[in-house]
Protein backbone atom coordinates (compact mmCIF):
# COMPACT_ATOMS: atom_id res chain seq x y z
CA MET A 1 -92.11 88.88 108.53
CA SER A 2 -91.62 91.02 105.34
CA GLU A 3 -94.75 92.47 103.49
CA PHE A 4 -94.05 90.10 100.57
CA HIS A 5 -94.01 87.04 103.04
CA LEU A 6 -97.41 88.23 104.52
CA TYR A 7 -98.95 88.79 101.01
CA MET A 8 -97.84 85.34 100.01
CA ALA A 9 -99.14 83.79 103.44
CA GLN A 10 -102.50 85.25 102.79
CA ARG A 11 -102.60 84.24 99.19
CA LEU A 12 -101.58 80.58 100.22
CA SER A 13 -104.22 80.62 102.96
CA ALA A 14 -106.90 81.60 100.38
CA LEU A 15 -105.76 78.91 98.03
CA VAL A 16 -106.07 76.27 100.87
CA MET A 17 -109.48 77.74 102.16
CA ALA A 18 -111.20 77.54 98.71
CA PRO A 19 -111.93 73.68 98.78
CA PHE A 20 -112.91 73.88 102.34
CA VAL A 21 -115.42 76.50 101.66
CA ILE A 22 -116.83 74.52 98.67
CA VAL A 23 -117.20 71.34 100.61
CA HIS A 24 -118.58 73.19 103.65
CA ILE A 25 -121.40 74.82 101.48
CA GLY A 26 -122.12 71.51 99.95
CA VAL A 27 -122.45 69.75 103.15
CA MET A 28 -124.73 72.64 104.56
CA ILE A 29 -127.00 72.47 101.45
CA TYR A 30 -127.21 68.76 101.67
CA ALA A 31 -128.08 69.05 105.47
CA ILE A 32 -130.69 71.63 104.89
CA GLN A 33 -132.35 69.97 101.75
CA GLY A 34 -132.19 66.76 103.58
CA GLY A 35 -134.05 68.16 106.52
CA LEU A 36 -131.52 67.07 109.07
CA SER A 37 -131.95 68.38 112.45
CA ALA A 38 -129.05 69.67 114.66
CA ALA A 39 -129.21 66.34 116.76
CA GLU A 40 -128.74 64.35 113.57
CA ILE A 41 -125.87 66.50 112.27
CA LEU A 42 -124.09 66.10 115.61
CA GLY A 43 -124.72 62.45 115.43
CA ARG A 44 -122.79 62.28 112.22
CA THR A 45 -120.04 64.64 113.30
CA GLN A 46 -119.19 63.68 116.93
CA GLY A 47 -116.31 61.32 117.18
CA SER A 48 -115.35 61.76 113.61
CA VAL A 49 -111.66 62.23 113.08
CA PHE A 50 -112.30 63.27 109.42
CA TRP A 51 -114.56 66.11 110.49
CA PHE A 52 -112.24 67.12 113.12
CA ALA A 53 -109.22 67.41 110.84
CA PHE A 54 -111.27 69.04 108.06
CA TYR A 55 -112.76 71.79 110.14
CA GLY A 56 -109.53 71.93 112.15
CA MET A 57 -107.48 72.85 109.11
CA PHE A 58 -110.13 75.15 107.91
CA VAL A 59 -109.93 77.02 111.14
CA VAL A 60 -106.38 77.38 110.97
CA ALA A 61 -106.50 78.63 107.33
CA VAL A 62 -109.29 81.20 108.13
CA SER A 63 -107.33 82.67 111.20
CA ILE A 64 -104.22 83.15 109.26
CA HIS A 65 -106.11 84.66 106.23
CA ALA A 66 -108.18 86.84 108.45
CA ALA A 67 -105.57 88.11 110.74
CA ILE A 68 -103.32 89.10 107.78
CA GLY A 69 -106.53 90.86 105.96
CA LEU A 70 -107.18 92.75 109.11
CA ARG A 71 -103.66 93.78 109.51
CA THR A 72 -103.95 95.52 106.15
CA ILE A 73 -107.21 97.06 107.04
CA LEU A 74 -106.01 98.38 110.31
CA GLY A 75 -103.12 100.04 108.40
CA GLU A 76 -105.22 101.49 105.80
CA TRP A 77 -108.35 102.53 107.42
CA ALA A 78 -107.49 102.97 111.00
CA GLY A 79 -103.84 104.38 110.29
CA LEU A 80 -102.17 102.06 112.55
CA ARG A 81 -98.65 101.19 112.00
CA GLY A 82 -95.82 99.07 113.25
CA GLY A 83 -96.00 97.06 116.49
CA MET A 84 -99.60 98.17 117.53
CA ARG A 85 -101.12 96.97 114.14
CA ASP A 86 -99.02 93.83 114.24
CA TRP A 87 -99.98 93.04 117.79
CA LEU A 88 -103.80 93.80 117.40
CA SER A 89 -104.02 91.68 114.27
CA ALA A 90 -102.21 88.83 115.81
CA VAL A 91 -104.57 88.88 118.90
CA ILE A 92 -107.59 88.94 116.74
CA GLY A 93 -106.12 86.13 114.70
CA LEU A 94 -105.44 84.16 117.82
CA GLY A 95 -109.07 84.87 119.06
CA LEU A 96 -110.42 83.65 115.89
CA PHE A 97 -108.34 80.45 116.21
CA ALA A 98 -109.43 80.05 119.81
CA LEU A 99 -113.09 80.45 119.08
CA GLY A 100 -112.96 78.23 115.90
CA SER A 101 -111.07 75.53 117.75
CA GLN A 102 -113.69 75.53 120.39
CA ALA A 103 -116.43 75.09 117.71
CA VAL A 104 -114.61 72.36 116.09
CA TRP A 105 -114.26 70.46 119.45
CA ALA A 106 -117.93 70.93 120.46
CA VAL A 107 -119.16 69.56 116.98
CA THR A 108 -116.81 66.82 116.76
CA ALA A 109 -115.60 65.68 120.08
């Protein structure tokens, strides 16, 4: 994938993430101000196809965005180039995706 395509993919993932971040923060503020317990929150999210899809798409966007950003950081700060930089950023992105997917499943299944 060319640098231009990676640049555009990261910008697109940021565009996708923005509404997810706003909704997530709004939901967290609502839950905290409402005094909801963890059990009450799970009672509302477990079994919900909506929240599964919402947070599932959020995790995909974050994983892509973070992996591309870390690739740039690894090149600029750590001096990694080529295959090692790409491999390491892909592994971290896949790890973030795996952890995020596990969290989504735990909260919605």
